[in-house]
Amino acid sequence: MRLRNIPGSRETIAASEYVVHEDVMRDKKGHWNEVFGNDQPLWLEIGMGKGRFIMEQAQTHPDTNFVGIEKYSSVLLRALEKRAVSEELNNLWFLRMDAVDITEVFGPQEVDGIYLNFSDPWPKDRHASRRLPSREFLRRYQQILKKGAHIEFKTDNRDLFTFAIECAQEEGWTIDVLTWNLHADEKLMEGNIMTEYEERFSSAGNPIFKLVITPPQA
């Protein structure tokens, strides 16, 4: 995916009151309850895009803490614009970072769950390790997830979904939910919050795939 660079985006992010910056985030490893000032459950969305999903989650679940992670400044800037005109959310922070470094920012068994929504499919085989549901990333997630925590993954990309299933099975994760047509499942759609991509793709008639997986217990 080619992203347009927006002049001044990094400066705007650096000055934002809604972002935990790099000089702080690594010091909070294992102590994110101090950032929020409470001991509520902590959920991450990795690759949050323009922020619609994670903001609606925070509004809907004030008893849960959320962190939205986005690698690209130009995309995070759009999320900040949405945040600036939304109601005040005391249970949501944004991070600009590469998810490769996730274990440097969150401590062992600190996270209650992870959302992966419409992740970049990285279609070339040589880039497989960059895919967010890859075996390499599953091993990183396993380090920071609490026992019994899980990952919720949604996509409209069939190849990426098949890849995610295979990686989960190879790594010994338990598949709790697997559907090839989320929007046709009335029970799974209860409380489903759509991303911008999900709304666009589903309205065009594309099926949405969903996978919920739990890491192996040591």
N, C-alpha and C. Protein backbone atom coordinates (compact mmCIF):
# COMPACT_ATOMS: atom_id res chain seq x y z
N MET A 1 0.85 -1.19 0.00
CA MET A 1 0.00 0.00 0.00
C MET A 1 0.88 1.24 0.00
N ARG A 2 0.70 2.09 -0.95
CA ARG A 2 1.49 3.31 -1.06
C ARG A 2 0.77 4.43 -0.31
N LEU A 3 1.46 5.05 0.63
CA LEU A 3 0.86 6.08 1.45
C LEU A 3 1.44 7.44 1.10
N ARG A 4 0.58 8.42 1.03
CA ARG A 4 1.01 9.78 0.72
C ARG A 4 1.57 10.42 1.98
N ASN A 5 2.77 10.95 1.87
CA ASN A 5 3.37 11.65 3.00
C ASN A 5 2.68 13.00 3.19
N ILE A 6 2.29 13.30 4.39
CA ILE A 6 1.64 14.57 4.69
C ILE A 6 2.63 15.45 5.43
N PRO A 7 3.07 16.54 4.82
CA PRO A 7 4.04 17.42 5.48
C PRO A 7 3.55 17.87 6.86
N GLY A 8 4.43 17.78 7.83
CA GLY A 8 4.10 18.23 9.17
C GLY A 8 3.40 17.20 10.03
N SER A 9 3.14 16.00 9.48
CA SER A 9 2.40 15.00 10.25
C SER A 9 3.16 14.56 11.49
N ARG A 10 4.47 14.36 11.37
CA ARG A 10 5.26 13.92 12.53
C ARG A 10 5.30 14.99 13.61
N GLU A 11 5.39 16.23 13.19
CA GLU A 11 5.41 17.33 14.16
C GLU A 11 4.07 17.42 14.89
N THR A 12 2.98 17.23 14.15
CA THR A 12 1.65 17.27 14.76
C THR A 12 1.49 16.14 15.77
N ILE A 13 1.95 14.94 15.41
CA ILE A 13 1.88 13.78 16.30
C ILE A 13 2.73 14.02 17.55
N ALA A 14 3.91 14.59 17.35
CA ALA A 14 4.81 14.83 18.48
C ALA A 14 4.21 15.80 19.49
N ALA A 15 3.34 16.70 19.01
CA ALA A 15 2.74 17.69 19.89
C ALA A 15 1.39 17.26 20.45
N SER A 16 0.90 16.09 20.04
CA SER A 16 -0.45 15.67 20.41
C SER A 16 -0.55 15.20 21.85
N GLU A 17 -1.60 15.57 22.51
CA GLU A 17 -1.87 15.15 23.88
C GLU A 17 -2.48 13.75 23.93
N TYR A 18 -2.80 13.18 22.78
CA TYR A 18 -3.44 11.87 22.74
C TYR A 18 -2.46 10.73 22.44
N VAL A 19 -1.18 11.06 22.28
CA VAL A 19 -0.17 10.09 21.90
C VAL A 19 0.82 9.89 23.05
N VAL A 20 1.12 8.63 23.35
CA VAL A 20 2.22 8.33 24.28
C VAL A 20 3.48 8.23 23.42
N HIS A 21 4.43 9.08 23.66
CA HIS A 21 5.59 9.19 22.78
C HIS A 21 6.70 8.23 23.16
N GLU A 22 7.62 8.06 22.24
CA GLU A 22 8.64 7.02 22.36
C GLU A 22 9.47 7.14 23.63
N ASP A 23 9.75 8.36 24.05
CA ASP A 23 10.58 8.54 25.25
C ASP A 23 9.86 8.11 26.52
N VAL A 24 8.53 7.92 26.41
CA VAL A 24 7.73 7.51 27.56
C VAL A 24 7.29 6.05 27.45
N MET A 25 6.89 5.64 26.24
CA MET A 25 6.24 4.33 26.08
C MET A 25 7.12 3.17 26.54
N ARG A 26 8.41 3.23 26.25
CA ARG A 26 9.28 2.11 26.62
C ARG A 26 9.50 2.06 28.13
N ASP A 27 9.43 3.22 28.79
CA ASP A 27 9.55 3.24 30.25
C ASP A 27 8.32 2.66 30.93
N LYS A 28 7.20 2.59 30.20
CA LYS A 28 5.96 2.11 30.79
C LYS A 28 5.75 0.61 30.58
N LYS A 29 6.73 -0.06 29.99
CA LYS A 29 6.63 -1.51 29.81
C LYS A 29 6.35 -2.19 31.14
N GLY A 30 5.25 -2.95 31.18
CA GLY A 30 4.86 -3.62 32.41
C GLY A 30 4.10 -2.74 33.38
N HIS A 31 3.93 -1.46 33.05
CA HIS A 31 3.28 -0.52 33.97
C HIS A 31 2.27 0.37 33.24
N TRP A 32 1.57 -0.19 32.26
CA TRP A 32 0.61 0.63 31.52
C TRP A 32 -0.60 1.03 32.37
N ASN A 33 -0.80 0.34 33.48
CA ASN A 33 -1.86 0.76 34.39
C ASN A 33 -1.59 2.16 34.94
N GLU A 34 -0.30 2.53 35.01
CA GLU A 34 0.05 3.87 35.48
C GLU A 34 -0.33 4.94 34.46
N VAL A 35 -0.24 4.59 33.18
CA VAL A 35 -0.62 5.54 32.12
C VAL A 35 -2.10 5.86 32.22
N PHE A 36 -2.91 4.84 32.48
CA PHE A 36 -4.36 5.03 32.54
C PHE A 36 -4.83 5.40 33.94
N GLY A 37 -4.01 5.13 34.94
CA GLY A 37 -4.41 5.44 36.31
C GLY A 37 -5.40 4.47 36.89
N ASN A 38 -5.45 3.25 36.37
CA ASN A 38 -6.36 2.23 36.89
C ASN A 38 -5.85 0.85 36.48
N ASP A 39 -6.53 -0.19 36.93
CA ASP A 39 -6.14 -1.57 36.63
C ASP A 39 -7.16 -2.26 35.73
N GLN A 40 -7.80 -1.50 34.88
CA GLN A 40 -8.78 -2.09 33.95
C GLN A 40 -8.06 -2.96 32.91
N PRO A 41 -8.79 -3.91 32.29
CA PRO A 41 -8.20 -4.72 31.22
C PRO A 41 -7.64 -3.85 30.10
N LEU A 42 -6.58 -4.34 29.46
CA LEU A 42 -5.89 -3.59 28.41
C LEU A 42 -5.97 -4.34 27.09
N TRP A 43 -6.52 -3.67 26.08
CA TRP A 43 -6.61 -4.22 24.73
C TRP A 43 -5.85 -3.33 23.75
N LEU A 44 -5.22 -3.96 22.76
CA LEU A 44 -4.49 -3.24 21.72
C LEU A 44 -5.17 -3.47 20.37
N GLU A 45 -5.14 -2.45 19.52
CA GLU A 45 -5.42 -2.64 18.10
C GLU A 45 -4.13 -2.31 17.37
N ILE A 46 -3.58 -3.31 16.68
CA ILE A 46 -2.33 -3.13 15.96
C ILE A 46 -2.64 -2.88 14.49
N GLY A 47 -2.19 -1.72 13.99
CA GLY A 47 -2.55 -1.30 12.65
C GLY A 47 -3.95 -0.71 12.66
N MET A 48 -4.14 0.33 13.47
CA MET A 48 -5.49 0.84 13.71
C MET A 48 -6.02 1.72 12.59
N GLY A 49 -5.15 2.08 11.63
CA GLY A 49 -5.63 2.93 10.53
C GLY A 49 -6.10 4.28 11.03
N LYS A 50 -7.26 4.70 10.57
CA LYS A 50 -7.76 6.04 10.91
C LYS A 50 -8.49 6.10 12.25
N GLY A 51 -8.53 4.98 12.97
CA GLY A 51 -8.96 5.01 14.36
C GLY A 51 -10.43 4.82 14.65
N ARG A 52 -11.26 4.64 13.64
CA ARG A 52 -12.69 4.53 13.90
C ARG A 52 -13.02 3.37 14.84
N PHE A 53 -12.46 2.19 14.58
CA PHE A 53 -12.78 1.00 15.35
C PHE A 53 -12.38 1.17 16.82
N ILE A 54 -11.14 1.55 17.08
CA ILE A 54 -10.66 1.61 18.45
C ILE A 54 -11.35 2.73 19.24
N MET A 55 -11.73 3.80 18.58
CA MET A 55 -12.44 4.87 19.26
C MET A 55 -13.85 4.44 19.65
N GLU A 56 -14.51 3.71 18.75
CA GLU A 56 -15.85 3.20 19.09
C GLU A 56 -15.78 2.17 20.20
N GLN A 57 -14.73 1.35 20.19
CA GLN A 57 -14.55 0.39 21.27
C GLN A 57 -14.40 1.11 22.60
N ALA A 58 -13.58 2.16 22.61
CA ALA A 58 -13.35 2.90 23.85
C ALA A 58 -14.63 3.57 24.35
N GLN A 59 -15.43 4.07 23.43
CA GLN A 59 -16.69 4.70 23.81
C GLN A 59 -17.69 3.67 24.34
N THR A 60 -17.70 2.49 23.73
CA THR A 60 -18.66 1.45 24.09
C THR A 60 -18.26 0.73 25.38
N HIS A 61 -16.94 0.66 25.65
CA HIS A 61 -16.45 -0.10 26.81
C HIS A 61 -15.57 0.79 27.70
N PRO A 62 -16.18 1.69 28.46
CA PRO A 62 -15.40 2.59 29.30
C PRO A 62 -14.67 1.88 30.44
N ASP A 63 -15.05 0.63 30.71
CA ASP A 63 -14.40 -0.15 31.77
C ASP A 63 -13.20 -0.94 31.26
N THR A 64 -12.76 -0.66 30.03
CA THR A 64 -11.59 -1.30 29.43
C THR A 64 -10.66 -0.22 28.89
N ASN A 65 -9.36 -0.43 29.01
CA ASN A 65 -8.37 0.48 28.46
C ASN A 65 -7.95 0.01 27.07
N PHE A 66 -7.70 0.97 26.17
CA PHE A 66 -7.35 0.65 24.80
C PHE A 66 -6.12 1.44 24.36
N VAL A 67 -5.28 0.77 23.56
CA VAL A 67 -4.15 1.43 22.93
C VAL A 67 -4.22 1.14 21.44
N GLY A 68 -4.25 2.20 20.64
CA GLY A 68 -4.24 2.05 19.18
C GLY A 68 -2.84 2.27 18.66
N ILE A 69 -2.33 1.29 17.90
CA ILE A 69 -0.96 1.34 17.39
C ILE A 69 -0.98 1.51 15.88
N GLU A 70 -0.24 2.49 15.39
CA GLU A 70 -0.17 2.73 13.95
C GLU A 70 1.26 3.10 13.57
N LYS A 71 1.75 2.48 12.53
CA LYS A 71 3.13 2.69 12.10
C LYS A 71 3.31 3.96 11.29
N TYR A 72 2.29 4.32 10.50
CA TYR A 72 2.45 5.40 9.54
C TYR A 72 1.91 6.73 10.06
N SER A 73 2.76 7.74 10.06
CA SER A 73 2.38 9.05 10.58
C SER A 73 1.19 9.65 9.85
N SER A 74 1.17 9.50 8.52
CA SER A 74 0.10 10.10 7.73
C SER A 74 -1.26 9.49 8.06
N VAL A 75 -1.27 8.22 8.48
CA VAL A 75 -2.51 7.55 8.85
C VAL A 75 -2.91 7.92 10.28
N LEU A 76 -1.94 7.90 11.19
CA LEU A 76 -2.21 8.27 12.57
C LEU A 76 -2.74 9.70 12.66
N LEU A 77 -2.27 10.57 11.79
CA LEU A 77 -2.75 11.95 11.78
C LEU A 77 -4.26 11.99 11.60
N ARG A 78 -4.81 11.13 10.75
CA ARG A 78 -6.26 11.11 10.52
C ARG A 78 -7.00 10.66 11.78
N ALA A 79 -6.40 9.71 12.50
CA ALA A 79 -7.01 9.28 13.76
C ALA A 79 -7.03 10.41 14.78
N LEU A 80 -5.95 11.17 14.82
CA LEU A 80 -5.89 12.30 15.75
C LEU A 80 -6.93 13.36 15.41
N GLU A 81 -7.19 13.55 14.12
CA GLU A 81 -8.21 14.51 13.71
C GLU A 81 -9.59 14.06 14.19
N LYS A 82 -9.85 12.74 14.11
CA LYS A 82 -11.12 12.22 14.61
C LYS A 82 -11.20 12.38 16.12
N ARG A 83 -10.11 12.08 16.78
CA ARG A 83 -10.09 12.15 18.25
C ARG A 83 -10.34 13.58 18.73
N ALA A 84 -9.83 14.53 18.01
CA ALA A 84 -9.96 15.93 18.43
C ALA A 84 -11.40 16.43 18.45
N VAL A 85 -12.25 15.82 17.64
CA VAL A 85 -13.64 16.27 17.58
C VAL A 85 -14.60 15.29 18.23
N SER A 86 -14.06 14.26 18.88
CA SER A 86 -14.90 13.27 19.56
C SER A 86 -15.05 13.64 21.02
N GLU A 87 -15.91 12.90 21.71
CA GLU A 87 -16.05 13.10 23.14
C GLU A 87 -14.76 12.68 23.84
N GLU A 88 -14.52 13.21 25.00
CA GLU A 88 -13.30 12.90 25.73
C GLU A 88 -13.27 11.42 26.11
N LEU A 89 -12.16 10.78 25.82
CA LEU A 89 -11.99 9.35 26.11
C LEU A 89 -10.79 9.19 27.04
N ASN A 90 -11.05 8.85 28.28
CA ASN A 90 -9.96 8.69 29.24
C ASN A 90 -9.35 7.29 29.19
N ASN A 91 -9.90 6.42 28.36
CA ASN A 91 -9.44 5.04 28.30
C ASN A 91 -8.80 4.69 26.97
N LEU A 92 -8.25 5.69 26.27
CA LEU A 92 -7.65 5.44 24.96
C LEU A 92 -6.40 6.29 24.76
N TRP A 93 -5.32 5.61 24.33
CA TRP A 93 -4.10 6.29 23.91
C TRP A 93 -3.65 5.75 22.57
N PHE A 94 -2.92 6.58 21.84
CA PHE A 94 -2.35 6.17 20.55
C PHE A 94 -0.83 6.05 20.66
N LEU A 95 -0.27 5.13 19.88
CA LEU A 95 1.18 4.99 19.74
C LEU A 95 1.55 5.00 18.28
N ARG A 96 2.60 5.71 17.92
CA ARG A 96 3.18 5.58 16.58
C ARG A 96 4.42 4.71 16.71
N MET A 97 4.31 3.49 16.23
CA MET A 97 5.42 2.56 16.36
C MET A 97 5.24 1.40 15.39
N ASP A 98 6.32 0.68 15.16
CA ASP A 98 6.30 -0.54 14.37
C ASP A 98 6.00 -1.69 15.32
N ALA A 99 5.02 -2.52 14.98
CA ALA A 99 4.62 -3.62 15.85
C ALA A 99 5.73 -4.64 16.07
N VAL A 100 6.77 -4.61 15.25
CA VAL A 100 7.91 -5.48 15.47
C VAL A 100 8.48 -5.29 16.88
N ASP A 101 8.34 -4.07 17.41
CA ASP A 101 8.91 -3.73 18.71
C ASP A 101 7.92 -3.91 19.86
N ILE A 102 6.85 -4.64 19.64
CA ILE A 102 5.76 -4.72 20.62
C ILE A 102 6.23 -5.23 21.98
N THR A 103 7.18 -6.18 22.00
CA THR A 103 7.63 -6.73 23.27
C THR A 103 8.57 -5.79 24.02
N GLU A 104 9.00 -4.70 23.35
CA GLU A 104 9.81 -3.70 24.01
C GLU A 104 8.96 -2.64 24.70
N VAL A 105 7.66 -2.66 24.40
CA VAL A 105 6.76 -1.62 24.91
C VAL A 105 5.77 -2.17 25.93
N PHE A 106 5.38 -3.44 25.77
CA PHE A 106 4.44 -4.08 26.70
C PHE A 106 5.12 -5.27 27.37
N GLY A 107 4.83 -5.43 28.66
CA GLY A 107 5.51 -6.45 29.45
C GLY A 107 4.85 -7.82 29.33
N PRO A 108 5.50 -8.84 29.87
CA PRO A 108 4.94 -10.20 29.86
C PRO A 108 3.57 -10.24 30.55
N GLN A 109 2.62 -10.85 29.86
CA GLN A 109 1.26 -11.04 30.38
C GLN A 109 0.62 -9.73 30.84
N GLU A 110 0.86 -8.66 30.09
CA GLU A 110 0.29 -7.36 30.44
C GLU A 110 -0.99 -7.05 29.67
N VAL A 111 -1.19 -7.73 28.55
CA VAL A 111 -2.26 -7.37 27.62
C VAL A 111 -3.38 -8.42 27.65
N ASP A 112 -4.63 -7.94 27.68
CA ASP A 112 -5.79 -8.83 27.76
C ASP A 112 -6.32 -9.27 26.41
N GLY A 113 -5.94 -8.57 25.35
CA GLY A 113 -6.40 -8.97 24.02
C GLY A 113 -5.85 -8.05 22.95
N ILE A 114 -5.88 -8.55 21.71
CA ILE A 114 -5.36 -7.80 20.57
C ILE A 114 -6.35 -7.88 19.42
N TYR A 115 -6.57 -6.75 18.78
CA TYR A 115 -7.36 -6.70 17.55
C TYR A 115 -6.43 -6.51 16.36
N LEU A 116 -6.63 -7.31 15.33
CA LEU A 116 -5.96 -7.14 14.04
C LEU A 116 -7.06 -6.99 13.00
N ASN A 117 -7.21 -5.80 12.46
CA ASN A 117 -8.31 -5.53 11.54
C ASN A 117 -7.79 -5.12 10.16
N PHE A 118 -8.09 -5.94 9.16
CA PHE A 118 -7.79 -5.62 7.76
C PHE A 118 -6.33 -5.22 7.59
N SER A 119 -5.47 -6.09 8.11
CA SER A 119 -4.03 -5.86 8.07
C SER A 119 -3.51 -5.92 6.64
N ASP A 120 -2.39 -5.24 6.40
CA ASP A 120 -1.72 -5.28 5.11
C ASP A 120 -1.39 -6.74 4.78
N PRO A 121 -1.82 -7.26 3.63
CA PRO A 121 -1.59 -8.68 3.31
C PRO A 121 -0.16 -9.03 2.91
N TRP A 122 0.65 -8.02 2.58
CA TRP A 122 2.02 -8.30 2.14
C TRP A 122 2.03 -9.54 1.24
N PRO A 123 1.51 -9.46 0.03
CA PRO A 123 1.27 -10.64 -0.80
C PRO A 123 2.50 -11.41 -1.27
N LYS A 124 3.67 -10.77 -1.33
CA LYS A 124 4.85 -11.49 -1.79
C LYS A 124 5.36 -12.44 -0.71
N ASP A 125 5.73 -13.64 -1.11
CA ASP A 125 6.18 -14.66 -0.16
C ASP A 125 7.35 -14.20 0.70
N ARG A 126 8.25 -13.42 0.11
CA ARG A 126 9.43 -13.00 0.86
C ARG A 126 9.09 -12.02 1.98
N HIS A 127 7.87 -11.50 1.97
CA HIS A 127 7.43 -10.57 2.99
C HIS A 127 6.50 -11.22 4.01
N ALA A 128 6.39 -12.54 3.99
CA ALA A 128 5.43 -13.24 4.84
C ALA A 128 5.60 -12.91 6.32
N SER A 129 6.84 -12.74 6.76
CA SER A 129 7.09 -12.48 8.18
C SER A 129 6.58 -11.10 8.62
N ARG A 130 6.29 -10.23 7.66
CA ARG A 130 5.78 -8.90 7.99
C ARG A 130 4.26 -8.90 8.23
N ARG A 131 3.60 -9.97 7.83
CA ARG A 131 2.15 -10.04 8.01
C ARG A 131 1.83 -10.14 9.50
N LEU A 132 0.88 -9.36 9.97
CA LEU A 132 0.61 -9.28 11.39
C LEU A 132 0.10 -10.59 12.01
N PRO A 133 -0.55 -11.49 11.24
CA PRO A 133 -0.88 -12.79 11.85
C PRO A 133 0.17 -13.88 11.58
N SER A 134 1.38 -13.49 11.20
CA SER A 134 2.42 -14.47 10.88
C SER A 134 2.90 -15.19 12.14
N ARG A 135 3.63 -16.28 11.94
CA ARG A 135 4.18 -17.03 13.06
C ARG A 135 5.11 -16.15 13.90
N GLU A 136 5.91 -15.32 13.22
CA GLU A 136 6.83 -14.44 13.92
C GLU A 136 6.09 -13.47 14.85
N PHE A 137 4.99 -12.91 14.34
CA PHE A 137 4.23 -11.99 15.18
C PHE A 137 3.45 -12.73 16.26
N LEU A 138 2.94 -13.91 15.97
CA LEU A 138 2.23 -14.68 17.00
C LEU A 138 3.13 -14.94 18.20
N ARG A 139 4.40 -15.20 17.94
CA ARG A 139 5.35 -15.43 19.04
C ARG A 139 5.55 -14.17 19.87
N ARG A 140 5.55 -13.03 19.21
CA ARG A 140 5.65 -11.77 19.95
C ARG A 140 4.40 -11.54 20.79
N TYR A 141 3.24 -11.75 20.19
CA TYR A 141 1.99 -11.54 20.92
C TYR A 141 1.91 -12.44 22.14
N GLN A 142 2.35 -13.69 21.98
CA GLN A 142 2.26 -14.64 23.07
C GLN A 142 3.02 -14.17 24.30
N GLN A 143 4.09 -13.42 24.07
CA GLN A 143 4.89 -12.94 25.19
C GLN A 143 4.16 -11.90 26.03
N ILE A 144 3.29 -11.10 25.42
CA ILE A 144 2.66 -10.00 26.15
C ILE A 144 1.23 -10.29 26.57
N LEU A 145 0.62 -11.35 26.03
CA LEU A 145 -0.77 -11.66 26.36
C LEU A 145 -0.88 -12.40 27.69
N LYS A 146 -1.91 -12.07 28.45
CA LYS A 146 -2.20 -12.80 29.68
C LYS A 146 -2.71 -14.20 29.35
N LYS A 147 -2.66 -15.08 30.32
CA LYS A 147 -3.21 -16.42 30.13
C LYS A 147 -4.71 -16.32 29.86
N GLY A 148 -5.16 -17.02 28.82
CA GLY A 148 -6.57 -16.99 28.46
C GLY A 148 -6.96 -15.82 27.58
N ALA A 149 -6.03 -14.90 27.32
CA ALA A 149 -6.32 -13.76 26.43
C ALA A 149 -6.38 -14.26 24.99
N HIS A 150 -6.91 -13.44 24.11
CA HIS A 150 -7.04 -13.89 22.72
C HIS A 150 -6.85 -12.76 21.73
N ILE A 151 -6.73 -13.15 20.48
CA ILE A 151 -6.60 -12.23 19.36
C ILE A 151 -7.84 -12.34 18.49
N GLU A 152 -8.39 -11.20 18.08
CA GLU A 152 -9.50 -11.16 17.13
C GLU A 152 -8.98 -10.58 15.82
N PHE A 153 -9.12 -11.34 14.76
CA PHE A 153 -8.58 -10.95 13.45
C PHE A 153 -9.70 -10.92 12.43
N LYS A 154 -9.82 -9.79 11.71
CA LYS A 154 -10.81 -9.67 10.62
C LYS A 154 -10.11 -9.22 9.34
N THR A 155 -10.57 -9.76 8.23
CA THR A 155 -10.02 -9.39 6.92
C THR A 155 -11.02 -9.77 5.83
N ASP A 156 -10.84 -9.19 4.66
CA ASP A 156 -11.60 -9.63 3.49
C ASP A 156 -10.68 -10.34 2.51
N ASN A 157 -9.42 -10.52 2.89
CA ASN A 157 -8.43 -11.13 2.01
C ASN A 157 -8.35 -12.63 2.30
N ARG A 158 -8.85 -13.43 1.38
CA ARG A 158 -8.93 -14.88 1.60
C ARG A 158 -7.56 -15.51 1.79
N ASP A 159 -6.59 -15.09 1.00
CA ASP A 159 -5.25 -15.67 1.11
C ASP A 159 -4.63 -15.35 2.48
N LEU A 160 -4.81 -14.12 2.94
CA LEU A 160 -4.27 -13.74 4.24
C LEU A 160 -4.98 -14.51 5.35
N PHE A 161 -6.27 -14.71 5.20
CA PHE A 161 -7.04 -15.44 6.22
C PHE A 161 -6.58 -16.89 6.29
N THR A 162 -6.40 -17.51 5.15
CA THR A 162 -5.90 -18.89 5.12
C THR A 162 -4.52 -18.96 5.75
N PHE A 163 -3.68 -18.00 5.43
CA PHE A 163 -2.34 -17.92 6.01
C PHE A 163 -2.42 -17.80 7.54
N ALA A 164 -3.33 -16.97 8.04
CA ALA A 164 -3.47 -16.77 9.49
C ALA A 164 -3.89 -18.06 10.18
N ILE A 165 -4.81 -18.78 9.57
CA ILE A 165 -5.26 -20.06 10.13
C ILE A 165 -4.09 -21.04 10.21
N GLU A 166 -3.34 -21.14 9.13
CA GLU A 166 -2.21 -22.06 9.09
C GLU A 166 -1.16 -21.70 10.13
N CYS A 167 -0.86 -20.41 10.28
CA CYS A 167 0.13 -19.98 11.25
C CYS A 167 -0.32 -20.29 12.67
N ALA A 168 -1.59 -20.05 12.96
CA ALA A 168 -2.11 -20.32 14.29
C ALA A 168 -2.01 -21.81 14.62
N GLN A 169 -2.37 -22.64 13.67
CA GLN A 169 -2.30 -24.07 13.88
C GLN A 169 -0.86 -24.54 14.07
N GLU A 170 0.06 -24.02 13.26
CA GLU A 170 1.47 -24.40 13.35
C GLU A 170 2.09 -24.00 14.68
N GLU A 171 1.61 -22.88 15.24
CA GLU A 171 2.16 -22.39 16.51
C GLU A 171 1.42 -22.94 17.72
N GLY A 172 0.44 -23.78 17.50
CA GLY A 172 -0.27 -24.41 18.60
C GLY A 172 -1.34 -23.57 19.26
N TRP A 173 -1.80 -22.53 18.58
CA TRP A 173 -2.86 -21.69 19.12
C TRP A 173 -4.20 -22.41 18.97
N THR A 174 -5.11 -22.14 19.90
CA THR A 174 -6.46 -22.69 19.83
C THR A 174 -7.35 -21.77 18.99
N ILE A 175 -8.06 -22.35 18.06
CA ILE A 175 -9.01 -21.57 17.24
C ILE A 175 -10.37 -21.61 17.93
N ASP A 176 -10.79 -20.47 18.45
CA ASP A 176 -12.05 -20.36 19.18
C ASP A 176 -13.22 -20.01 18.26
N VAL A 177 -12.94 -19.17 17.27
CA VAL A 177 -13.96 -18.76 16.29
C VAL A 177 -13.32 -18.74 14.92
N LEU A 178 -14.04 -19.28 13.94
CA LEU A 178 -13.58 -19.22 12.55
C LEU A 178 -14.81 -19.12 11.66
N THR A 179 -14.92 -18.02 10.95
CA THR A 179 -16.03 -17.86 10.02
C THR A 179 -15.55 -17.23 8.72
N TRP A 180 -16.10 -17.74 7.63
CA TRP A 180 -15.78 -17.20 6.31
C TRP A 180 -16.82 -16.18 5.85
N ASN A 181 -17.79 -15.88 6.72
CA ASN A 181 -18.81 -14.88 6.37
C ASN A 181 -19.38 -14.30 7.66
N LEU A 182 -18.62 -13.40 8.27
CA LEU A 182 -18.99 -12.82 9.56
C LEU A 182 -20.37 -12.21 9.54
N HIS A 183 -20.69 -11.46 8.51
CA HIS A 183 -21.93 -10.69 8.50
C HIS A 183 -23.16 -11.57 8.30
N ALA A 184 -22.96 -12.83 8.00
CA ALA A 184 -24.08 -13.76 7.88
C ALA A 184 -24.35 -14.50 9.19
N ASP A 185 -23.50 -14.25 10.18
CA ASP A 185 -23.63 -14.93 11.47
C ASP A 185 -24.22 -13.95 12.48
N GLU A 186 -25.49 -14.14 12.78
CA GLU A 186 -26.21 -13.20 13.65
C GLU A 186 -25.59 -13.10 15.04
N LYS A 187 -25.15 -14.23 15.57
CA LYS A 187 -24.58 -14.22 16.92
C LYS A 187 -23.25 -13.48 16.95
N LEU A 188 -22.38 -13.74 15.97
CA LEU A 188 -21.07 -13.08 15.94
C LEU A 188 -21.19 -11.59 15.64
N MET A 189 -22.27 -11.21 14.99
CA MET A 189 -22.45 -9.79 14.65
C MET A 189 -22.96 -8.97 15.82
N GLU A 190 -23.38 -9.63 16.91
CA GLU A 190 -23.83 -8.89 18.08
C GLU A 190 -22.66 -8.10 18.66
N GLY A 191 -22.78 -6.80 18.70
CA GLY A 191 -21.72 -5.95 19.23
C GLY A 191 -20.56 -5.74 18.28
N ASN A 192 -20.66 -6.23 17.04
CA ASN A 192 -19.57 -6.06 16.08
C ASN A 192 -19.42 -4.59 15.70
N ILE A 193 -18.23 -4.07 15.86
CA ILE A 193 -17.93 -2.69 15.46
C ILE A 193 -17.13 -2.74 14.16
N MET A 194 -17.59 -2.04 13.16
CA MET A 194 -16.96 -2.10 11.85
C MET A 194 -15.87 -1.04 11.70
N THR A 195 -14.81 -1.42 11.02
CA THR A 195 -13.80 -0.45 10.61
C THR A 195 -14.27 0.23 9.33
N GLU A 196 -13.54 1.25 8.90
CA GLU A 196 -13.86 1.89 7.63
C GLU A 196 -13.78 0.89 6.48
N TYR A 197 -12.74 0.04 6.51
CA TYR A 197 -12.58 -0.96 5.46
C TYR A 197 -13.72 -1.97 5.48
N GLU A 198 -14.08 -2.42 6.66
CA GLU A 198 -15.15 -3.42 6.76
C GLU A 198 -16.46 -2.89 6.19
N GLU A 199 -16.79 -1.67 6.50
CA GLU A 199 -18.02 -1.08 5.99
C GLU A 199 -17.98 -0.98 4.46
N ARG A 200 -16.84 -0.58 3.93
CA ARG A 200 -16.69 -0.43 2.48
C ARG A 200 -16.76 -1.78 1.77
N PHE A 201 -15.99 -2.74 2.27
CA PHE A 201 -15.93 -4.03 1.60
C PHE A 201 -17.24 -4.80 1.72
N SER A 202 -17.86 -4.78 2.89
CA SER A 202 -19.10 -5.52 3.08
C SER A 202 -20.24 -4.91 2.26
N SER A 203 -20.26 -3.57 2.14
CA SER A 203 -21.31 -2.92 1.35
C SER A 203 -21.16 -3.23 -0.14
N ALA A 204 -19.92 -3.60 -0.53
CA ALA A 204 -19.68 -4.00 -1.92
C ALA A 204 -19.98 -5.48 -2.16
N GLY A 205 -20.41 -6.16 -1.10
CA GLY A 205 -20.77 -7.58 -1.24
C GLY A 205 -19.65 -8.54 -0.94
N ASN A 206 -18.51 -8.04 -0.46
CA ASN A 206 -17.40 -8.92 -0.13
C ASN A 206 -17.62 -9.58 1.23
N PRO A 207 -17.41 -10.89 1.35
CA PRO A 207 -17.52 -11.53 2.66
C PRO A 207 -16.38 -11.09 3.58
N ILE A 208 -16.69 -10.98 4.85
CA ILE A 208 -15.70 -10.62 5.86
C ILE A 208 -15.37 -11.89 6.66
N PHE A 209 -14.08 -12.17 6.78
CA PHE A 209 -13.63 -13.36 7.50
C PHE A 209 -13.19 -12.96 8.90
N LYS A 210 -13.48 -13.83 9.88
CA LYS A 210 -13.06 -13.54 11.25
C LYS A 210 -12.48 -14.77 11.92
N LEU A 211 -11.41 -14.54 12.68
CA LEU A 211 -10.72 -15.60 13.40
C LEU A 211 -10.45 -15.11 14.82
N VAL A 212 -10.77 -15.93 15.81
CA VAL A 212 -10.43 -15.63 17.19
C VAL A 212 -9.57 -16.79 17.69
N ILE A 213 -8.38 -16.45 18.20
CA ILE A 213 -7.43 -17.48 18.60
C ILE A 213 -6.84 -17.18 19.98
N THR A 214 -6.51 -18.25 20.69
CA THR A 214 -5.93 -18.16 22.02
C THR A 214 -4.57 -18.85 22.01
N PRO A 215 -3.55 -18.22 22.60
CA PRO A 215 -2.21 -18.82 22.56
C PRO A 215 -2.12 -20.07 23.42
N PRO A 216 -1.19 -20.95 23.11
CA PRO A 216 -0.99 -22.14 23.92
C PRO A 216 -0.57 -21.77 25.34
N GLN A 217 -1.02 -22.53 26.31
CA GLN A 217 -0.67 -22.27 27.68
C GLN A 217 0.60 -23.01 28.05
N ALA A 218 1.54 -22.30 28.67
CA ALA A 218 2.81 -22.91 29.04
C ALA A 218 2.61 -23.91 30.17
